[in-house]
Amino acid sequence: MKCIPVFLLAACAALPAWAGGDPSDGHTHGPAETAPIALDAPRATAHSEDFELVVVPAAGELRLYLDRYDTNAPVTGARVEVESAALRAAAREVEPGVYSVPGEAFIAPGQHPLSVTVETDTTADLLAATLEIAAAVPVVKVAAFPQWVPWAGAGGLLAGAAIVALRRRRRGSTA
């Protein structure tokens, strides 16, 4: 019976870790974890013998990433035109190989067919792609586990152990 208070004390000490506490305090000696790449972001891709194109909607615009298909080198200084049912616009180069057009029309869920004309000094091409925007999925909030619950349980166990120890002392029991 002498081991019961020791067991209760050990249970009180282990309760925060069992309830989701992090004994390492977030400190690890392993390699740093990298954030996962979101592959489900809406995008459209197309390629031809000369060009490779990736179209991504971003903050009210369409970003077009244009590369050479064979070397993956960014295509700079090209004349790029984007045509769709909702838009017809000339793209402006914002970075080497990155072009931008206003794209507020592409926030609605559905399929948006695109025709992209690319003209450089040496070649021209027409690329077709379909940008698919998924309907927004409703977010369900899950009630968070209150942080005070593990500590209240640990306090209850500690109080119970103290009561058992006091009763034994009063009785004069050593068993």
C-alpha atoms as a PDB file:
ATOM      1  CA  MET A   1       0.000   0.000   0.000  1.00  0.00           C
ATOM      2  CA  LYS A   2       2.992   2.317   0.326  1.00  0.00           C
ATOM      3  CA  CYS A   3       3.332   2.424  -3.456  1.00  0.00           C
ATOM      4  CA  ILE A   4      -0.102   4.012  -4.037  1.00  0.00           C
ATOM      5  CA  PRO A   5       1.019   7.617  -3.229  1.00  0.00           C
ATOM      6  CA  VAL A   6       4.083   7.127  -5.441  1.00  0.00           C
ATOM      7  CA  PHE A   7       1.870   5.839  -8.247  1.00  0.00           C
ATOM      8  CA  LEU A   8      -0.517   8.780  -7.870  1.00  0.00           C
ATOM      9  CA  LEU A   9       2.386  11.255  -7.900  1.00  0.00           C
ATOM     10  CA  ALA A  10       3.785   9.656 -11.074  1.00  0.00           C
ATOM     11  CA  ALA A  11       0.343   9.789 -12.698  1.00  0.00           C
ATOM     12  CA  CYS A  12       0.039  13.500 -11.818  1.00  0.00           C
ATOM     13  CA  ALA A  13       3.443  14.200 -13.347  1.00  0.00           C
ATOM     14  CA  ALA A  14       2.611  12.285 -16.544  1.00  0.00           C
ATOM     15  CA  LEU A  15      -0.870  13.763 -17.067  1.00  0.00           C
ATOM     16  CA  PRO A  16       0.150  16.950 -18.977  1.00  0.00           C
ATOM     17  CA  ALA A  17       2.261  14.931 -21.433  1.00  0.00           C
ATOM     18  CA  TRP A  18      -0.526  12.363 -21.844  1.00  0.00           C
ATOM     19  CA  ALA A  19      -3.053  15.152 -22.491  1.00  0.00           C
ATOM     20  CA  GLY A  20      -1.091  16.505 -25.441  1.00  0.00           C
ATOM     21  CA  GLY A  21       1.738  18.442 -23.832  1.00  0.00           C
ATOM     22  CA  ASP A  22       5.040  18.603 -25.675  1.00  0.00           C
ATOM     23  CA  PRO A  23       7.877  17.474 -23.392  1.00  0.00           C
ATOM     24  CA  SER A  24      10.474  18.703 -25.885  1.00  0.00           C
ATOM     25  CA  ASP A  25       8.983  22.207 -25.905  1.00  0.00           C
ATOM     26  CA  GLY A  26       9.247  22.159 -29.706  1.00  0.00           C
ATOM     27  CA  HIS A  27      13.021  21.795 -29.623  1.00  0.00           C
ATOM     28  CA  THR A  28      14.396  19.039 -31.830  1.00  0.00           C
ATOM     29  CA  HIS A  29      17.841  18.175 -33.073  1.00  0.00           C
ATOM     30  CA  GLY A  30      16.697  16.618 -36.345  1.00  0.00           C
ATOM     31  CA  PRO A  31      16.492  18.278 -39.750  1.00  0.00           C
ATOM     32  CA  ALA A  32      14.093  21.187 -40.088  1.00  0.00           C
ATOM     33  CA  GLU A  33      10.667  20.238 -41.389  1.00  0.00           C
ATOM     34  CA  THR A  34       9.559  21.921 -44.578  1.00  0.00           C
ATOM     35  CA  ALA A  35       6.030  23.094 -45.216  1.00  0.00           C
ATOM     36  CA  PRO A  36       4.066  20.844 -47.549  1.00  0.00           C
ATOM     37  CA  ILE A  37       3.429  22.136 -51.040  1.00  0.00           C
ATOM     38  CA  ALA A  38      -0.228  22.789 -51.749  1.00  0.00           C
ATOM     39  CA  LEU A  39      -0.865  20.842 -54.921  1.00  0.00           C
ATOM     40  CA  ASP A  40      -4.599  21.369 -54.897  1.00  0.00           C
ATOM     41  CA  ALA A  41      -4.386  25.096 -55.676  1.00  0.00           C
ATOM     42  CA  PRO A  42      -6.227  25.962 -58.880  1.00  0.00           C
ATOM     43  CA  ARG A  43      -3.969  26.098 -61.921  1.00  0.00           C
ATOM     44  CA  ALA A  44      -3.937  25.398 -65.612  1.00  0.00           C
ATOM     45  CA  THR A  45      -1.062  24.033 -67.652  1.00  0.00           C
ATOM     46  CA  ALA A  46      -0.283  23.821 -71.349  1.00  0.00           C
ATOM     47  CA  HIS A  47       2.758  23.167 -73.509  1.00  0.00           C
ATOM     48  CA  SER A  48       3.837  23.003 -77.097  1.00  0.00           C
ATOM     49  CA  GLU A  49       7.116  22.196 -78.831  1.00  0.00           C
ATOM     50  CA  ASP A  50       8.436  25.655 -77.918  1.00  0.00           C
ATOM     51  CA  PHE A  51       6.718  26.813 -74.728  1.00  0.00           C
ATOM     52  CA  GLU A  52       5.467  25.575 -71.384  1.00  0.00           C
ATOM     53  CA  LEU A  53       2.799  27.573 -69.544  1.00  0.00           C
ATOM     54  CA  VAL A  54       1.375  27.450 -66.002  1.00  0.00           C
ATOM     55  CA  VAL A  55      -1.542  29.755 -65.149  1.00  0.00           C
ATOM     56  CA  VAL A  56      -2.353  30.450 -61.489  1.00  0.00           C
ATOM     57  CA  PRO A  57      -5.049  32.807 -60.158  1.00  0.00           C
ATOM     58  CA  ALA A  58      -3.628  35.049 -57.416  1.00  0.00           C
ATOM     59  CA  ALA A  59      -5.178  38.045 -55.625  1.00  0.00           C
ATOM     60  CA  GLY A  60      -7.418  39.362 -58.397  1.00  0.00           C
ATOM     61  CA  GLU A  61      -5.072  38.539 -61.256  1.00  0.00           C
ATOM     62  CA  LEU A  62      -3.880  35.646 -63.362  1.00  0.00           C
ATOM     63  CA  ARG A  63      -0.184  34.845 -63.143  1.00  0.00           C
ATOM     64  CA  LEU A  64       1.286  33.196 -66.232  1.00  0.00           C
ATOM     65  CA  TYR A  65       4.616  31.403 -65.839  1.00  0.00           C
ATOM     66  CA  LEU A  66       6.123  30.988 -69.310  1.00  0.00           C
ATOM     67  CA  ASP A  67       9.223  28.853 -70.011  1.00  0.00           C
ATOM     68  CA  ARG A  68      10.979  27.305 -72.976  1.00  0.00           C
ATOM     69  CA  TYR A  69       9.772  23.710 -73.185  1.00  0.00           C
ATOM     70  CA  ASP A  70      13.129  22.144 -74.009  1.00  0.00           C
ATOM     71  CA  THR A  71      15.394  24.118 -71.623  1.00  0.00           C
ATOM     72  CA  ASN A  72      12.961  25.353 -68.946  1.00  0.00           C
ATOM     73  CA  ALA A  73      14.483  28.834 -69.332  1.00  0.00           C
ATOM     74  CA  PRO A  74      12.068  31.717 -68.647  1.00  0.00           C
ATOM     75  CA  VAL A  75      10.712  33.441 -71.750  1.00  0.00           C
ATOM     76  CA  THR A  76      11.337  37.169 -71.398  1.00  0.00           C
ATOM     77  CA  GLY A  77      10.144  40.036 -73.547  1.00  0.00           C
ATOM     78  CA  ALA A  78       7.327  38.081 -75.188  1.00  0.00           C
ATOM     79  CA  ARG A  79       3.968  39.481 -76.261  1.00  0.00           C
ATOM     80  CA  VAL A  80       1.381  37.425 -74.396  1.00  0.00           C
ATOM     81  CA  GLU A  81      -2.368  37.693 -74.905  1.00  0.00           C
ATOM     82  CA  VAL A  82      -4.974  35.853 -72.848  1.00  0.00           C
ATOM     83  CA  GLU A  83      -8.444  35.212 -74.210  1.00  0.00           C
ATOM     84  CA  SER A  84     -11.410  33.657 -72.463  1.00  0.00           C
ATOM     85  CA  ALA A  85     -15.177  34.033 -72.415  1.00  0.00           C
ATOM     86  CA  ALA A  86     -14.801  36.530 -69.575  1.00  0.00           C
ATOM     87  CA  LEU A  87     -11.547  38.240 -70.576  1.00  0.00           C
ATOM     88  CA  ARG A  88      -9.400  39.395 -73.462  1.00  0.00           C
ATOM     89  CA  ALA A  89      -6.238  41.181 -72.364  1.00  0.00           C
ATOM     90  CA  ALA A  90      -2.560  41.640 -73.079  1.00  0.00           C
ATOM     91  CA  ALA A  91      -0.353  40.397 -70.262  1.00  0.00           C
ATOM     92  CA  ARG A  92       2.434  42.508 -68.809  1.00  0.00           C
ATOM     93  CA  GLU A  93       5.734  41.021 -67.694  1.00  0.00           C
ATOM     94  CA  VAL A  94       6.182  41.447 -63.921  1.00  0.00           C
ATOM     95  CA  GLU A  95       9.288  39.272 -63.532  1.00  0.00           C
ATOM     96  CA  PRO A  96      11.470  37.385 -66.006  1.00  0.00           C
ATOM     97  CA  GLY A  97       9.168  34.718 -67.437  1.00  0.00           C
ATOM     98  CA  VAL A  98       6.189  35.779 -65.271  1.00  0.00           C
ATOM     99  CA  TYR A  99       3.298  37.644 -66.848  1.00  0.00           C
ATOM    100  CA  SER A 100       0.149  39.062 -65.287  1.00  0.00           C
ATOM    101  CA  VAL A 101      -3.383  39.995 -66.408  1.00  0.00           C
ATOM    102  CA  PRO A 102      -6.329  41.205 -64.314  1.00  0.00           C
ATOM    103  CA  GLY A 103      -8.311  38.112 -63.370  1.00  0.00           C
ATOM    104  CA  GLU A 104     -11.293  39.046 -61.214  1.00  0.00           C
ATOM    105  CA  ALA A 105     -13.491  37.068 -63.618  1.00  0.00           C
ATOM    106  CA  PHE A 106     -11.787  33.815 -62.577  1.00  0.00           C
ATOM    107  CA  ILE A 107     -12.843  33.724 -58.921  1.00  0.00           C
ATOM    108  CA  ALA A 108     -16.181  32.051 -59.692  1.00  0.00           C
ATOM    109  CA  PRO A 109     -16.227  28.263 -59.370  1.00  0.00           C
ATOM    110  CA  GLY A 110     -16.268  26.329 -62.618  1.00  0.00           C
ATOM    111  CA  GLN A 111     -14.152  25.643 -65.685  1.00  0.00           C
ATOM    112  CA  HIS A 112     -12.616  28.596 -67.501  1.00  0.00           C
ATOM    113  CA  PRO A 113     -11.143  27.753 -70.940  1.00  0.00           C
ATOM    114  CA  LEU A 114      -8.161  29.920 -71.865  1.00  0.00           C
ATOM    115  CA  SER A 115      -6.395  30.644 -75.134  1.00  0.00           C
ATOM    116  CA  VAL A 116      -2.946  32.130 -74.687  1.00  0.00           C
ATOM    117  CA  THR A 117      -1.069  33.604 -77.646  1.00  0.00           C
ATOM    118  CA  VAL A 118       2.707  33.873 -77.216  1.00  0.00           C
ATOM    119  CA  GLU A 119       4.872  35.817 -79.669  1.00  0.00           C
ATOM    120  CA  THR A 120       8.626  36.247 -79.421  1.00  0.00           C
ATOM    121  CA  ASP A 121      11.097  37.623 -81.951  1.00  0.00           C
ATOM    122  CA  THR A 122      11.724  34.138 -83.350  1.00  0.00           C
ATOM    123  CA  THR A 123       8.503  32.178 -82.854  1.00  0.00           C
ATOM    124  CA  ALA A 124       4.784  32.369 -82.111  1.00  0.00           C
ATOM    125  CA  ASP A 125       2.403  29.830 -80.602  1.00  0.00           C
ATOM    126  CA  LEU A 126      -1.158  29.387 -79.397  1.00  0.00           C
ATOM    127  CA  LEU A 127      -1.629  27.468 -76.143  1.00  0.00           C
ATOM    128  CA  ALA A 128      -4.970  26.187 -74.851  1.00  0.00           C
ATOM    129  CA  ALA A 129      -5.653  25.424 -71.182  1.00  0.00           C
ATOM    130  CA  THR A 130      -8.599  25.087 -68.830  1.00  0.00           C
ATOM    131  CA  LEU A 131      -8.507  26.714 -65.414  1.00  0.00           C
ATOM    132  CA  GLU A 132     -10.762  24.839 -62.998  1.00  0.00           C
ATOM    133  CA  ILE A 133     -11.864  26.642 -59.836  1.00  0.00           C
ATOM    134  CA  ALA A 134     -13.477  24.356 -57.269  1.00  0.00           C
ATOM    135  CA  ALA A 135     -16.454  25.429 -55.199  1.00  0.00           C
ATOM    136  CA  ALA A 136     -15.555  26.597 -51.712  1.00  0.00           C
ATOM    137  CA  VAL A 137     -15.792  23.867 -49.121  1.00  0.00           C
ATOM    138  CA  PRO A 138     -17.527  24.970 -45.929  1.00  0.00           C
ATOM    139  CA  VAL A 139     -15.222  24.948 -42.915  1.00  0.00           C
ATOM    140  CA  VAL A 140     -16.542  23.088 -39.891  1.00  0.00           C
ATOM    141  CA  LYS A 141     -15.242  24.425 -36.607  1.00  0.00           C
ATOM    142  CA  VAL A 142     -14.378  21.801 -34.047  1.00  0.00           C
ATOM    143  CA  ALA A 143     -14.525  22.755 -30.400  1.00  0.00           C
ATOM    144  CA  ALA A 144     -11.022  22.957 -29.004  1.00  0.00           C
ATOM    145  CA  PHE A 145     -10.051  20.898 -25.991  1.00  0.00           C
ATOM    146  CA  PRO A 146      -9.814  23.394 -23.087  1.00  0.00           C
ATOM    147  CA  GLN A 147      -6.279  23.791 -21.791  1.00  0.00           C
ATOM    148  CA  TRP A 148      -7.357  23.825 -18.153  1.00  0.00           C
ATOM    149  CA  VAL A 149      -8.760  20.267 -18.235  1.00  0.00           C
ATOM    150  CA  PRO A 150      -5.422  18.380 -17.959  1.00  0.00           C
ATOM    151  CA  TRP A 151      -4.246  20.717 -15.223  1.00  0.00           C
ATOM    152  CA  ALA A 152      -7.519  20.327 -13.323  1.00  0.00           C
ATOM    153  CA  GLY A 153      -7.159  16.544 -13.580  1.00  0.00           C
ATOM    154  CA  ALA A 154      -3.572  16.715 -12.359  1.00  0.00           C
ATOM    155  CA  GLY A 155      -4.648  18.940  -9.480  1.00  0.00           C
ATOM    156  CA  GLY A 156      -7.448  16.519  -8.600  1.00  0.00           C
ATOM    157  CA  LEU A 157      -5.074  13.559  -8.574  1.00  0.00           C
ATOM    158  CA  LEU A 158      -2.573  15.476  -6.478  1.00  0.00           C
ATOM    159  CA  ALA A 159      -5.288  16.511  -4.023  1.00  0.00           C
ATOM    160  CA  GLY A 160      -6.499  12.908  -3.823  1.00  0.00           C
ATOM    161  CA  ALA A 161      -2.979  11.699  -3.100  1.00  0.00           C
ATOM    162  CA  ALA A 162      -2.596  14.312  -0.374  1.00  0.00           C
ATOM    163  CA  ILE A 163      -5.915  13.283   1.236  1.00  0.00           C
ATOM    164  CA  VAL A 164      -4.914   9.600   1.204  1.00  0.00           C
ATOM    165  CA  ALA A 165      -1.547  10.445   2.764  1.00  0.00           C
ATOM    166  CA  LEU A 166      -3.152  12.611   5.505  1.00  0.00           C
ATOM    167  CA  ARG A 167      -5.729   9.934   6.402  1.00  0.00           C
ATOM    168  CA  ARG A 168      -3.001   7.344   6.748  1.00  0.00           C
ATOM    169  CA  ARG A 169      -0.995   9.572   9.064  1.00  0.00           C
ATOM    170  CA  ARG A 170      -4.040  10.243  11.241  1.00  0.00           C
ATOM    171  CA  ARG A 171      -4.790   6.551  11.578  1.00  0.00           C
ATOM    172  CA  GLY A 172      -1.186   5.811  12.346  1.00  0.00           C
ATOM    173  CA  SER A 173      -1.292   3.084   9.744  1.00  0.00           C
ATOM    174  CA  THR A 174       1.957   1.981   8.147  1.00  0.00           C
ATOM    175  CA  ALA A 175       0.454  -0.753   6.046  1.00  0.00           C
END
